[in-house]
Amino acid sequence: MFDKNKVKLGIAPIAWTNDDLPDLGKENTFEQCVSEMALAGFTGSEVGNKYPKDPEVLRKALELRGIEICNQWFSSFLITKPFEEVEKDFRAQLTFLKAMGAKVIGASEQSHSVQGMQDTPIFGHKYVMNDEEWETFCTGMNKLGKIAKEEYGIALTFHHHMGTVVQNPDEVERMMANTDPEYVSLLFDTGHFTYCGADPLEMVTKYVDRIKHVHLKDIRPEVVEKVKNENLSFLEGVRLGAFTVPGDGCIDFDPIFKVLEDAGYEGYMLVEAEQDPAKANPLEYAMKARKFIAEKTGL
């Protein structure tokens, strides 16, 4: 069984309000979001656009509900912007996360990303880095990871993601091989590996020693198939329900949990399942996810 003192459960606000598609859940307030997270039995959250920017204000609201910030998305542009510019934004976010007591920052390289482009098909249109860009990217990640660890006590975890330069297993492998395990870890996302056609069990088995944050999301394969066949964008797929909470789609989580458990995984496992809250009531689906995780892991 997982050690309850070392493995915590979180949920992302994206189920309530989607920062990339602001019309989804625009009626849901920050207070409703974090209250329902707590009600569903989660103790960790990532950071959404509606969250107060002042750490004092945010901390008070979260402490009232027994919730803490466990990670925040960071968009890096290492291959398209000067490093100093990326570093400045990175440090600002690290300062905020340190004030919130977070131990992890989740970076995603957003140079040339098509994930947010509503009219660009998600399959077949992602950018592929050349050797020079790979060198710039990996060197930059190592530098960011060193800053995060040595100056802020925060671990940089890299979020492989559909539509980005690090999406497919070969890209994840190249990044892992060319970054320092001391400074760069993997944010393992069951949904994004499955979406791109990879086997999440194979990926978790391969990288378990470098995983420091986990996103649990499930996939509705018939929706992904529709996205592929009709050349739809990533965000159109989100609207149609490509993602859902663990236990509600096609991914077999039992062996994935077992690999993490056997390796003595420590940190957060966070439900991140962006879908339309008008179709999938956020509280209902949060409770569904929490029940599934309890049944499967004892947490």
C-alpha atoms as a PDB file:
ATOM      1  CA  MET A   1       0.000   0.000   0.000  1.00  0.00           C
ATOM      2  CA  PHE A   2       1.039   3.616  -0.476  1.00  0.00           C
ATOM      3  CA  ASP A   3       2.300   5.368   2.654  1.00  0.00           C
ATOM      4  CA  LYS A   4      -0.420   7.881   3.567  1.00  0.00           C
ATOM      5  CA  ASN A   5       2.192  10.093   5.215  1.00  0.00           C
ATOM      6  CA  LYS A   6       4.192  10.326   2.009  1.00  0.00           C
ATOM      7  CA  VAL A   7       1.626  10.222  -0.793  1.00  0.00           C
ATOM      8  CA  LYS A   8      -1.015  12.928  -0.928  1.00  0.00           C
ATOM      9  CA  LEU A   9      -3.973  13.464  -3.199  1.00  0.00           C
ATOM     10  CA  GLY A  10      -4.789  16.654  -5.052  1.00  0.00           C
ATOM     11  CA  ILE A  11      -7.122  17.870  -7.752  1.00  0.00           C
ATOM     12  CA  ALA A  12      -6.712  20.614 -10.346  1.00  0.00           C
ATOM     13  CA  PRO A  13      -9.061  23.606 -10.650  1.00  0.00           C
ATOM     14  CA  ILE A  14      -9.297  23.032 -14.404  1.00  0.00           C
ATOM     15  CA  ALA A  15     -12.335  20.777 -13.826  1.00  0.00           C
ATOM     16  CA  TRP A  16     -14.189  23.828 -12.458  1.00  0.00           C
ATOM     17  CA  THR A  17     -12.835  26.612 -14.666  1.00  0.00           C
ATOM     18  CA  ASN A  18     -10.632  26.166 -17.708  1.00  0.00           C
ATOM     19  CA  ASP A  19      -7.940  28.841 -18.135  1.00  0.00           C
ATOM     20  CA  ASP A  20      -7.482  27.930 -21.820  1.00  0.00           C
ATOM     21  CA  LEU A  21     -11.226  27.968 -22.547  1.00  0.00           C
ATOM     22  CA  PRO A  22     -12.551  30.689 -20.216  1.00  0.00           C
ATOM     23  CA  ASP A  23     -16.181  30.105 -21.183  1.00  0.00           C
ATOM     24  CA  LEU A  24     -15.991  26.648 -19.610  1.00  0.00           C
ATOM     25  CA  GLY A  25     -17.012  27.080 -15.989  1.00  0.00           C
ATOM     26  CA  LYS A  26     -16.935  30.888 -16.108  1.00  0.00           C
ATOM     27  CA  GLU A  27     -19.761  30.864 -13.541  1.00  0.00           C
ATOM     28  CA  ASN A  28     -17.728  28.829 -11.025  1.00  0.00           C
ATOM     29  CA  THR A  29     -15.965  30.976  -8.409  1.00  0.00           C
ATOM     30  CA  PHE A  30     -12.622  30.333  -6.736  1.00  0.00           C
ATOM     31  CA  GLU A  31     -14.394  29.780  -3.408  1.00  0.00           C
ATOM     32  CA  GLN A  32     -16.763  27.200  -4.849  1.00  0.00           C
ATOM     33  CA  CYS A  33     -13.885  25.425  -6.539  1.00  0.00           C
ATOM     34  CA  VAL A  34     -11.684  25.014  -3.447  1.00  0.00           C
ATOM     35  CA  SER A  35     -14.653  24.278  -1.175  1.00  0.00           C
ATOM     36  CA  GLU A  36     -15.736  21.435  -3.421  1.00  0.00           C
ATOM     37  CA  MET A  37     -12.181  20.100  -3.641  1.00  0.00           C
ATOM     38  CA  ALA A  38     -12.149  19.828   0.150  1.00  0.00           C
ATOM     39  CA  LEU A  39     -15.659  18.382   0.246  1.00  0.00           C
ATOM     40  CA  ALA A  40     -14.587  15.652  -2.193  1.00  0.00           C
ATOM     41  CA  GLY A  41     -11.701  14.707   0.105  1.00  0.00           C
ATOM     42  CA  PHE A  42      -8.636  16.230  -1.556  1.00  0.00           C
ATOM     43  CA  THR A  43      -5.866  18.092   0.287  1.00  0.00           C
ATOM     44  CA  GLY A  44      -3.841  19.513  -2.600  1.00  0.00           C
ATOM     45  CA  SER A  45      -4.512  21.874  -5.475  1.00  0.00           C
ATOM     46  CA  GLU A  46      -2.676  23.416  -8.382  1.00  0.00           C
ATOM     47  CA  VAL A  47      -3.168  27.091  -9.287  1.00  0.00           C
ATOM     48  CA  GLY A  48      -5.919  28.476 -11.516  1.00  0.00           C
ATOM     49  CA  ASN A  49      -6.408  31.942 -13.008  1.00  0.00           C
ATOM     50  CA  LYS A  50      -9.165  32.772 -10.538  1.00  0.00           C
ATOM     51  CA  TYR A  51      -6.952  32.089  -7.520  1.00  0.00           C
ATOM     52  CA  PRO A  52      -5.901  35.170  -5.502  1.00  0.00           C
ATOM     53  CA  LYS A  53      -2.409  36.319  -6.532  1.00  0.00           C
ATOM     54  CA  ASP A  54      -1.542  37.445  -2.985  1.00  0.00           C
ATOM     55  CA  PRO A  55      -0.067  34.463  -1.090  1.00  0.00           C
ATOM     56  CA  GLU A  56      -1.526  35.682   2.216  1.00  0.00           C
ATOM     57  CA  VAL A  57      -5.064  35.876   0.844  1.00  0.00           C
ATOM     58  CA  LEU A  58      -4.740  32.538  -0.956  1.00  0.00           C
ATOM     59  CA  ARG A  59      -3.193  30.795   2.051  1.00  0.00           C
ATOM     60  CA  LYS A  60      -6.015  31.860   4.340  1.00  0.00           C
ATOM     61  CA  ALA A  61      -8.700  30.652   1.923  1.00  0.00           C
ATOM     62  CA  LEU A  62      -6.952  27.308   1.481  1.00  0.00           C
ATOM     63  CA  GLU A  63      -6.134  26.757   5.156  1.00  0.00           C
ATOM     64  CA  LEU A  64      -9.798  27.207   6.050  1.00  0.00           C
ATOM     65  CA  ARG A  65     -10.479  24.200   3.834  1.00  0.00           C
ATOM     66  CA  GLY A  66      -7.443  22.053   4.672  1.00  0.00           C
ATOM     67  CA  ILE A  67      -5.888  22.450   1.233  1.00  0.00           C
ATOM     68  CA  GLU A  68      -2.363  23.371   0.100  1.00  0.00           C
ATOM     69  CA  ILE A  69      -0.818  24.312  -3.233  1.00  0.00           C
ATOM     70  CA  CYS A  70       1.266  21.405  -4.502  1.00  0.00           C
ATOM     71  CA  ASN A  71       2.336  22.552  -7.975  1.00  0.00           C
ATOM     72  CA  GLN A  72       1.825  25.241 -10.597  1.00  0.00           C
ATOM     73  CA  TRP A  73       2.141  25.100 -14.367  1.00  0.00           C
ATOM     74  CA  PHE A  74       5.034  27.120 -15.794  1.00  0.00           C
ATOM     75  CA  SER A  75       5.264  27.907 -19.516  1.00  0.00           C
ATOM     76  CA  SER A  76       8.902  27.972 -20.605  1.00  0.00           C
ATOM     77  CA  PHE A  77      10.031  29.356 -23.957  1.00  0.00           C
ATOM     78  CA  LEU A  78      13.630  28.196 -23.880  1.00  0.00           C
ATOM     79  CA  ILE A  79      14.049  27.790 -27.638  1.00  0.00           C
ATOM     80  CA  THR A  80      12.292  31.014 -28.681  1.00  0.00           C
ATOM     81  CA  LYS A  81      13.143  33.565 -25.974  1.00  0.00           C
ATOM     82  CA  PRO A  82      16.375  34.697 -24.307  1.00  0.00           C
ATOM     83  CA  PHE A  83      17.131  32.548 -21.253  1.00  0.00           C
ATOM     84  CA  GLU A  84      17.228  35.629 -19.006  1.00  0.00           C
ATOM     85  CA  GLU A  85      13.619  36.409 -19.885  1.00  0.00           C
ATOM     86  CA  VAL A  86      12.461  32.868 -19.056  1.00  0.00           C
ATOM     87  CA  GLU A  87      14.508  32.905 -15.854  1.00  0.00           C
ATOM     88  CA  LYS A  88      12.886  36.148 -14.692  1.00  0.00           C
ATOM     89  CA  ASP A  89       9.366  34.728 -15.069  1.00  0.00           C
ATOM     90  CA  PHE A  90      10.479  31.430 -13.526  1.00  0.00           C
ATOM     91  CA  ARG A  91      11.925  33.126 -10.451  1.00  0.00           C
ATOM     92  CA  ALA A  92       8.737  35.166  -9.968  1.00  0.00           C
ATOM     93  CA  GLN A  93       6.683  31.984  -9.971  1.00  0.00           C
ATOM     94  CA  LEU A  94       9.137  30.178  -7.674  1.00  0.00           C
ATOM     95  CA  THR A  95       8.885  33.057  -5.194  1.00  0.00           C
ATOM     96  CA  PHE A  96       5.100  32.687  -5.163  1.00  0.00           C
ATOM     97  CA  LEU A  97       5.267  28.894  -4.819  1.00  0.00           C
ATOM     98  CA  LYS A  98       7.814  29.071  -2.010  1.00  0.00           C
ATOM     99  CA  ALA A  99       5.536  31.499  -0.164  1.00  0.00           C
ATOM    100  CA  MET A 100       2.736  28.934  -0.589  1.00  0.00           C
ATOM    101  CA  GLY A 101       4.896  26.078   0.705  1.00  0.00           C
ATOM    102  CA  ALA A 102       4.802  24.165  -2.603  1.00  0.00           C
ATOM    103  CA  LYS A 103       7.559  21.646  -3.319  1.00  0.00           C
ATOM    104  CA  VAL A 104       7.097  21.278  -7.078  1.00  0.00           C
ATOM    105  CA  ILE A 105       6.901  23.447 -10.200  1.00  0.00           C
ATOM    106  CA  GLY A 106       5.614  21.854 -13.413  1.00  0.00           C
ATOM    107  CA  ALA A 107       7.323  23.220 -16.503  1.00  0.00           C
ATOM    108  CA  SER A 108       6.142  22.766 -20.077  1.00  0.00           C
ATOM    109  CA  GLU A 109       8.077  24.033 -23.096  1.00  0.00           C
ATOM    110  CA  GLN A 110       5.530  26.155 -24.947  1.00  0.00           C
ATOM    111  CA  SER A 111       7.675  27.344 -27.859  1.00  0.00           C
ATOM    112  CA  HIS A 112       5.730  26.545 -31.064  1.00  0.00           C
ATOM    113  CA  SER A 113       3.054  24.736 -29.018  1.00  0.00           C
ATOM    114  CA  VAL A 114      -0.231  24.038 -30.794  1.00  0.00           C
ATOM    115  CA  GLN A 115      -2.122  22.909 -27.670  1.00  0.00           C
ATOM    116  CA  GLY A 116      -3.852  26.288 -27.306  1.00  0.00           C
ATOM    117  CA  MET A 117      -4.585  26.856 -30.994  1.00  0.00           C
ATOM    118  CA  GLN A 118      -8.298  26.321 -31.530  1.00  0.00           C
ATOM    119  CA  ASP A 119      -8.033  25.803 -35.299  1.00  0.00           C
ATOM    120  CA  THR A 120      -4.892  23.650 -35.488  1.00  0.00           C
ATOM    121  CA  PRO A 121      -5.389  19.865 -35.482  1.00  0.00           C
ATOM    122  CA  ILE A 122      -3.632  18.292 -32.491  1.00  0.00           C
ATOM    123  CA  PHE A 123      -2.461  15.272 -34.471  1.00  0.00           C
ATOM    124  CA  GLY A 124       0.213  15.767 -37.128  1.00  0.00           C
ATOM    125  CA  HIS A 125       0.935  19.446 -36.553  1.00  0.00           C
ATOM    126  CA  LYS A 126       3.292  19.594 -33.597  1.00  0.00           C
ATOM    127  CA  TYR A 127       6.698  21.213 -33.945  1.00  0.00           C
ATOM    128  CA  VAL A 128       9.794  18.989 -33.947  1.00  0.00           C
ATOM    129  CA  MET A 129      13.016  20.410 -32.520  1.00  0.00           C
ATOM    130  CA  ASN A 130      16.310  20.219 -34.408  1.00  0.00           C
ATOM    131  CA  ASP A 131      19.564  19.189 -32.684  1.00  0.00           C
ATOM    132  CA  GLU A 132      20.539  22.742 -31.823  1.00  0.00           C
ATOM    133  CA  GLU A 133      17.131  23.432 -30.285  1.00  0.00           C
ATOM    134  CA  TRP A 134      17.347  20.221 -28.290  1.00  0.00           C
ATOM    135  CA  GLU A 135      20.695  21.352 -26.897  1.00  0.00           C
ATOM    136  CA  THR A 136      19.291  24.797 -25.972  1.00  0.00           C
ATOM    137  CA  PHE A 137      16.197  23.229 -24.424  1.00  0.00           C
ATOM    138  CA  CYS A 138      17.976  20.613 -22.293  1.00  0.00           C
ATOM    139  CA  THR A 139      20.677  23.038 -21.146  1.00  0.00           C
ATOM    140  CA  GLY A 140      17.995  25.563 -20.225  1.00  0.00           C
ATOM    141  CA  MET A 141      15.961  22.996 -18.283  1.00  0.00           C
ATOM    142  CA  ASN A 142      19.044  21.985 -16.308  1.00  0.00           C
ATOM    143  CA  LYS A 143      19.707  25.623 -15.452  1.00  0.00           C
ATOM    144  CA  LEU A 144      16.098  26.231 -14.377  1.00  0.00           C
ATOM    145  CA  GLY A 145      16.080  23.047 -12.321  1.00  0.00           C
ATOM    146  CA  LYS A 146      19.305  24.043 -10.574  1.00  0.00           C
ATOM    147  CA  ILE A 147      17.880  27.472  -9.690  1.00  0.00           C
ATOM    148  CA  ALA A 148      14.646  25.908  -8.394  1.00  0.00           C
ATOM    149  CA  LYS A 149      16.362  23.303  -6.246  1.00  0.00           C
ATOM    150  CA  GLU A 150      19.326  25.226  -4.894  1.00  0.00           C
ATOM    151  CA  GLU A 151      17.765  28.638  -4.353  1.00  0.00           C
ATOM    152  CA  TYR A 152      14.114  27.855  -3.599  1.00  0.00           C
ATOM    153  CA  GLY A 153      14.054  24.235  -2.432  1.00  0.00           C
ATOM    154  CA  ILE A 154      11.556  23.380  -5.184  1.00  0.00           C
ATOM    155  CA  ALA A 155      11.754  20.461  -7.657  1.00  0.00           C
ATOM    156  CA  LEU A 156      11.336  21.152 -11.358  1.00  0.00           C
ATOM    157  CA  THR A 157       9.136  18.468 -12.902  1.00  0.00           C
ATOM    158  CA  PHE A 158       8.703  18.478 -16.658  1.00  0.00           C
ATOM    159  CA  HIS A 159       5.183  18.068 -18.033  1.00  0.00           C
ATOM    160  CA  HIS A 160       5.117  16.170 -21.351  1.00  0.00           C
ATOM    161  CA  HIS A 161       2.012  17.426 -23.149  1.00  0.00           C
ATOM    162  CA  MET A 162       0.024  16.991 -26.349  1.00  0.00           C
ATOM    163  CA  GLY A 163       0.870  19.575 -29.009  1.00  0.00           C
ATOM    164  CA  THR A 164       4.243  20.526 -27.531  1.00  0.00           C
ATOM    165  CA  VAL A 165       7.855  19.801 -28.446  1.00  0.00           C
ATOM    166  CA  VAL A 166       8.002  17.070 -25.787  1.00  0.00           C
ATOM    167  CA  GLN A 167       4.930  14.931 -26.435  1.00  0.00           C
ATOM    168  CA  ASN A 168       5.940  11.486 -27.699  1.00  0.00           C
ATOM    169  CA  PRO A 169       7.928   8.742 -25.923  1.00  0.00           C
ATOM    170  CA  ASP A 170      11.046   9.328 -28.056  1.00  0.00           C
ATOM    171  CA  GLU A 171      10.997  13.025 -27.151  1.00  0.00           C
ATOM    172  CA  VAL A 172      10.533  12.287 -23.456  1.00  0.00           C
ATOM    173  CA  GLU A 173      13.394   9.790 -23.681  1.00  0.00           C
ATOM    174  CA  ARG A 174      15.719  12.299 -25.348  1.00  0.00           C
ATOM    175  CA  MET A 175      14.888  14.941 -22.746  1.00  0.00           C
ATOM    176  CA  MET A 176      15.422  12.537 -19.848  1.00  0.00           C
ATOM    177  CA  ALA A 177      18.724  11.322 -21.290  1.00  0.00           C
ATOM    178  CA  ASN A 178      20.044  14.858 -21.749  1.00  0.00           C
ATOM    179  CA  THR A 179      18.960  16.463 -18.474  1.00  0.00           C
ATOM    180  CA  ASP A 180      20.450  16.059 -15.019  1.00  0.00           C
ATOM    181  CA  PRO A 181      18.338  13.832 -12.711  1.00  0.00           C
ATOM    182  CA  GLU A 182      19.532  16.053  -9.880  1.00  0.00           C
ATOM    183  CA  TYR A 183      17.660  19.029 -11.341  1.00  0.00           C
ATOM    184  CA  VAL A 184      15.011  17.761 -13.765  1.00  0.00           C
ATOM    185  CA  SER A 185      12.283  15.258 -12.898  1.00  0.00           C
ATOM    186  CA  LEU A 186       9.259  14.038 -14.805  1.00  0.00           C
ATOM    187  CA  LEU A 187       5.668  15.056 -14.227  1.00  0.00           C
ATOM    188  CA  PHE A 188       4.038  11.784 -15.285  1.00  0.00           C
ATOM    189  CA  ASP A 189       0.622  12.277 -16.892  1.00  0.00           C
ATOM    190  CA  THR A 190      -1.394   9.144 -17.637  1.00  0.00           C
ATOM    191  CA  GLY A 191      -3.735  10.967 -20.015  1.00  0.00           C
ATOM    192  CA  HIS A 192      -1.180  12.715 -22.194  1.00  0.00           C
ATOM    193  CA  PHE A 193       0.819   9.527 -22.746  1.00  0.00           C
ATOM    194  CA  THR A 194      -2.324   7.579 -23.666  1.00  0.00           C
ATOM    195  CA  TYR A 195      -3.598  10.375 -25.935  1.00  0.00           C
ATOM    196  CA  CYS A 196      -0.436  10.371 -28.065  1.00  0.00           C
ATOM    197  CA  GLY A 197      -0.558   6.583 -28.433  1.00  0.00           C
ATOM    198  CA  ALA A 198       2.007   5.650 -25.785  1.00  0.00           C
ATOM    199  CA  ASP A 199       1.507   3.028 -23.087  1.00  0.00           C
ATOM    200  CA  PRO A 200       1.359   4.818 -19.712  1.00  0.00           C
ATOM    201  CA  LEU A 201       2.354   1.616 -17.881  1.00  0.00           C
ATOM    202  CA  GLU A 202       5.493   1.280 -19.992  1.00  0.00           C
ATOM    203  CA  MET A 203       6.319   4.950 -19.381  1.00  0.00           C
ATOM    204  CA  VAL A 204       5.788   4.864 -15.604  1.00  0.00           C
ATOM    205  CA  THR A 205       7.875   1.679 -15.382  1.00  0.00           C
ATOM    206  CA  LYS A 206      10.696   3.235 -17.388  1.00  0.00           C
ATOM    207  CA  TYR A 207      10.862   6.559 -15.522  1.00  0.00           C
ATOM    208  CA  VAL A 208       9.505   5.793 -12.041  1.00  0.00           C
ATOM    209  CA  ASP A 209      12.795   6.748 -10.363  1.00  0.00           C
ATOM    210  CA  ARG A 210      12.575  10.267 -11.821  1.00  0.00           C
ATOM    211  CA  ILE A 211       8.871  10.954 -11.313  1.00  0.00           C
ATOM    212  CA  LYS A 212       8.160  13.630  -8.695  1.00  0.00           C
ATOM    213  CA  HIS A 213       4.581  14.587  -9.565  1.00  0.00           C
ATOM    214  CA  VAL A 214       1.731  12.577 -11.066  1.00  0.00           C
ATOM    215  CA  HIS A 215      -1.322  13.727 -13.009  1.00  0.00           C
ATOM    216  CA  LEU A 216      -4.126  11.181 -13.012  1.00  0.00           C
ATOM    217  CA  LYS A 217      -6.463  11.585 -15.925  1.00  0.00           C
ATOM    218  CA  ASP A 218      -8.404   9.104 -17.980  1.00  0.00           C
ATOM    219  CA  ILE A 219      -9.233   9.041 -21.682  1.00  0.00           C
ATOM    220  CA  ARG A 220     -12.456   8.509 -23.594  1.00  0.00           C
ATOM    221  CA  PRO A 221     -10.936   6.669 -26.588  1.00  0.00           C
ATOM    222  CA  GLU A 222     -13.924   7.259 -28.876  1.00  0.00           C
ATOM    223  CA  VAL A 223     -13.464  11.023 -28.448  1.00  0.00           C
ATOM    224  CA  VAL A 224      -9.714  10.842 -29.154  1.00  0.00           C
ATOM    225  CA  GLU A 225     -10.541   8.784 -32.256  1.00  0.00           C
ATOM    226  CA  LYS A 226     -12.997  11.482 -33.385  1.00  0.00           C
ATOM    227  CA  VAL A 227     -10.362  14.190 -32.774  1.00  0.00           C
ATOM    228  CA  LYS A 228      -7.910  12.227 -34.927  1.00  0.00           C
ATOM    229  CA  ASN A 229     -10.350  11.346 -37.732  1.00  0.00           C
ATOM    230  CA  GLU A 230     -11.858  14.828 -37.991  1.00  0.00           C
ATOM    231  CA  ASN A 231      -8.582  16.752 -37.584  1.00  0.00           C
ATOM    232  CA  LEU A 232      -9.777  18.572 -34.482  1.00  0.00           C
ATOM    233  CA  SER A 233      -7.703  20.742 -32.161  1.00  0.00           C
ATOM    234  CA  PHE A 234      -6.643  19.817 -28.640  1.00  0.00           C
ATOM    235  CA  LEU A 235      -9.126  22.305 -27.153  1.00  0.00           C
ATOM    236  CA  GLU A 236     -11.965  20.995 -29.334  1.00  0.00           C
ATOM    237  CA  GLY A 237     -11.122  17.573 -27.928  1.00  0.00           C
ATOM    238  CA  VAL A 238     -11.351  18.954 -24.397  1.00  0.00           C
ATOM    239  CA  ARG A 239     -14.798  20.388 -25.142  1.00  0.00           C
ATOM    240  CA  LEU A 240     -15.958  17.045 -26.524  1.00  0.00           C
ATOM    241  CA  GLY A 241     -14.739  15.173 -23.441  1.00  0.00           C
ATOM    242  CA  ALA A 242     -11.467  13.535 -24.499  1.00  0.00           C
ATOM    243  CA  PHE A 243     -10.347  13.619 -20.854  1.00  0.00           C
ATOM    244  CA  THR A 244     -12.167  12.463 -17.755  1.00  0.00           C
ATOM    245  CA  VAL A 245     -11.394  11.440 -14.180  1.00  0.00           C
ATOM    246  CA  PRO A 246      -9.556   8.182 -13.430  1.00  0.00           C
ATOM    247  CA  GLY A 247     -11.884   5.208 -13.541  1.00  0.00           C
ATOM    248  CA  ASP A 248     -14.232   6.801 -16.085  1.00  0.00           C
ATOM    249  CA  GLY A 249     -12.274   5.987 -19.252  1.00  0.00           C
ATOM    250  CA  CYS A 250     -10.102   3.297 -20.841  1.00  0.00           C
ATOM    251  CA  ILE A 251      -6.857   3.419 -18.819  1.00  0.00           C
ATOM    252  CA  ASP A 252      -6.031   0.473 -16.544  1.00  0.00           C
ATOM    253  CA  PHE A 253      -4.745   2.197 -13.413  1.00  0.00           C
ATOM    254  CA  ASP A 254      -4.107  -0.897 -11.262  1.00  0.00           C
ATOM    255  CA  PRO A 255      -0.662  -1.762 -12.683  1.00  0.00           C
ATOM    256  CA  ILE A 256       0.310   1.933 -12.834  1.00  0.00           C
ATOM    257  CA  PHE A 257      -0.480   2.387  -9.144  1.00  0.00           C
ATOM    258  CA  LYS A 258       1.449  -0.812  -8.394  1.00  0.00           C
ATOM    259  CA  VAL A 259       4.617   0.442 -10.130  1.00  0.00           C
ATOM    260  CA  LEU A 260       4.462   3.730  -8.200  1.00  0.00           C
ATOM    261  CA  GLU A 261       3.719   1.907  -4.947  1.00  0.00           C
ATOM    262  CA  ASP A 262       6.520  -0.661  -5.366  1.00  0.00           C
ATOM    263  CA  ALA A 263       8.998   2.124  -6.120  1.00  0.00           C
ATOM    264  CA  GLY A 264       8.042   3.938  -2.904  1.00  0.00           C
ATOM    265  CA  TYR A 265       6.712   6.979  -4.741  1.00  0.00           C
ATOM    266  CA  GLU A 266       6.473  10.080  -2.547  1.00  0.00           C
ATOM    267  CA  GLY A 267       4.622  13.258  -3.418  1.00  0.00           C
ATOM    268  CA  TYR A 268       1.289  14.192  -4.904  1.00  0.00           C
ATOM    269  CA  MET A 269      -0.990  12.259  -7.201  1.00  0.00           C
ATOM    270  CA  LEU A 270      -3.285  14.879  -8.644  1.00  0.00           C
ATOM    271  CA  VAL A 271      -6.508  14.416 -10.577  1.00  0.00           C
ATOM    272  CA  GLU A 272      -6.313  16.694 -13.595  1.00  0.00           C
ATOM    273  CA  ALA A 273      -9.218  16.039 -15.911  1.00  0.00           C
ATOM    274  CA  GLU A 274     -10.287  19.033 -17.946  1.00  0.00           C
ATOM    275  CA  GLN A 275     -13.763  18.697 -19.389  1.00  0.00           C
ATOM    276  CA  ASP A 276     -16.878  20.831 -19.726  1.00  0.00           C
ATOM    277  CA  PRO A 277     -18.269  21.384 -16.205  1.00  0.00           C
ATOM    278  CA  ALA A 278     -21.738  21.879 -17.696  1.00  0.00           C
ATOM    279  CA  LYS A 279     -21.600  18.251 -18.864  1.00  0.00           C
ATOM    280  CA  ALA A 280     -19.483  16.789 -16.048  1.00  0.00           C
ATOM    281  CA  ASN A 281     -20.412  18.343 -12.713  1.00  0.00           C
ATOM    282  CA  PRO A 282     -17.050  19.114 -11.067  1.00  0.00           C
ATOM    283  CA  LEU A 283     -18.037  18.069  -7.534  1.00  0.00           C
ATOM    284  CA  GLU A 284     -19.697  14.877  -8.726  1.00  0.00           C
ATOM    285  CA  TYR A 285     -16.669  13.911 -10.825  1.00  0.00           C
ATOM    286  CA  ALA A 286     -14.216  14.886  -8.072  1.00  0.00           C
ATOM    287  CA  MET A 287     -16.073  12.574  -5.694  1.00  0.00           C
ATOM    288  CA  LYS A 288     -16.113   9.833  -8.317  1.00  0.00           C
ATOM    289  CA  ALA A 289     -12.329  10.187  -8.740  1.00  0.00           C
ATOM    290  CA  ARG A 290     -11.706  10.228  -4.983  1.00  0.00           C
ATOM    291  CA  LYS A 291     -13.756   7.057  -4.495  1.00  0.00           C
ATOM    292  CA  PHE A 292     -11.916   5.298  -7.329  1.00  0.00           C
ATOM    293  CA  ILE A 293      -8.492   6.234  -5.913  1.00  0.00           C
ATOM    294  CA  ALA A 294      -9.493   5.104  -2.416  1.00  0.00           C
ATOM    295  CA  GLU A 295     -10.671   1.742  -3.750  1.00  0.00           C
ATOM    296  CA  LYS A 296      -7.562   1.188  -5.821  1.00  0.00           C
ATOM    297  CA  THR A 297      -4.846   2.513  -3.499  1.00  0.00           C
ATOM    298  CA  GLY A 298      -6.231   2.640   0.032  1.00  0.00           C
ATOM    299  CA  LEU A 299      -5.383   6.334   0.194  1.00  0.00           C
END
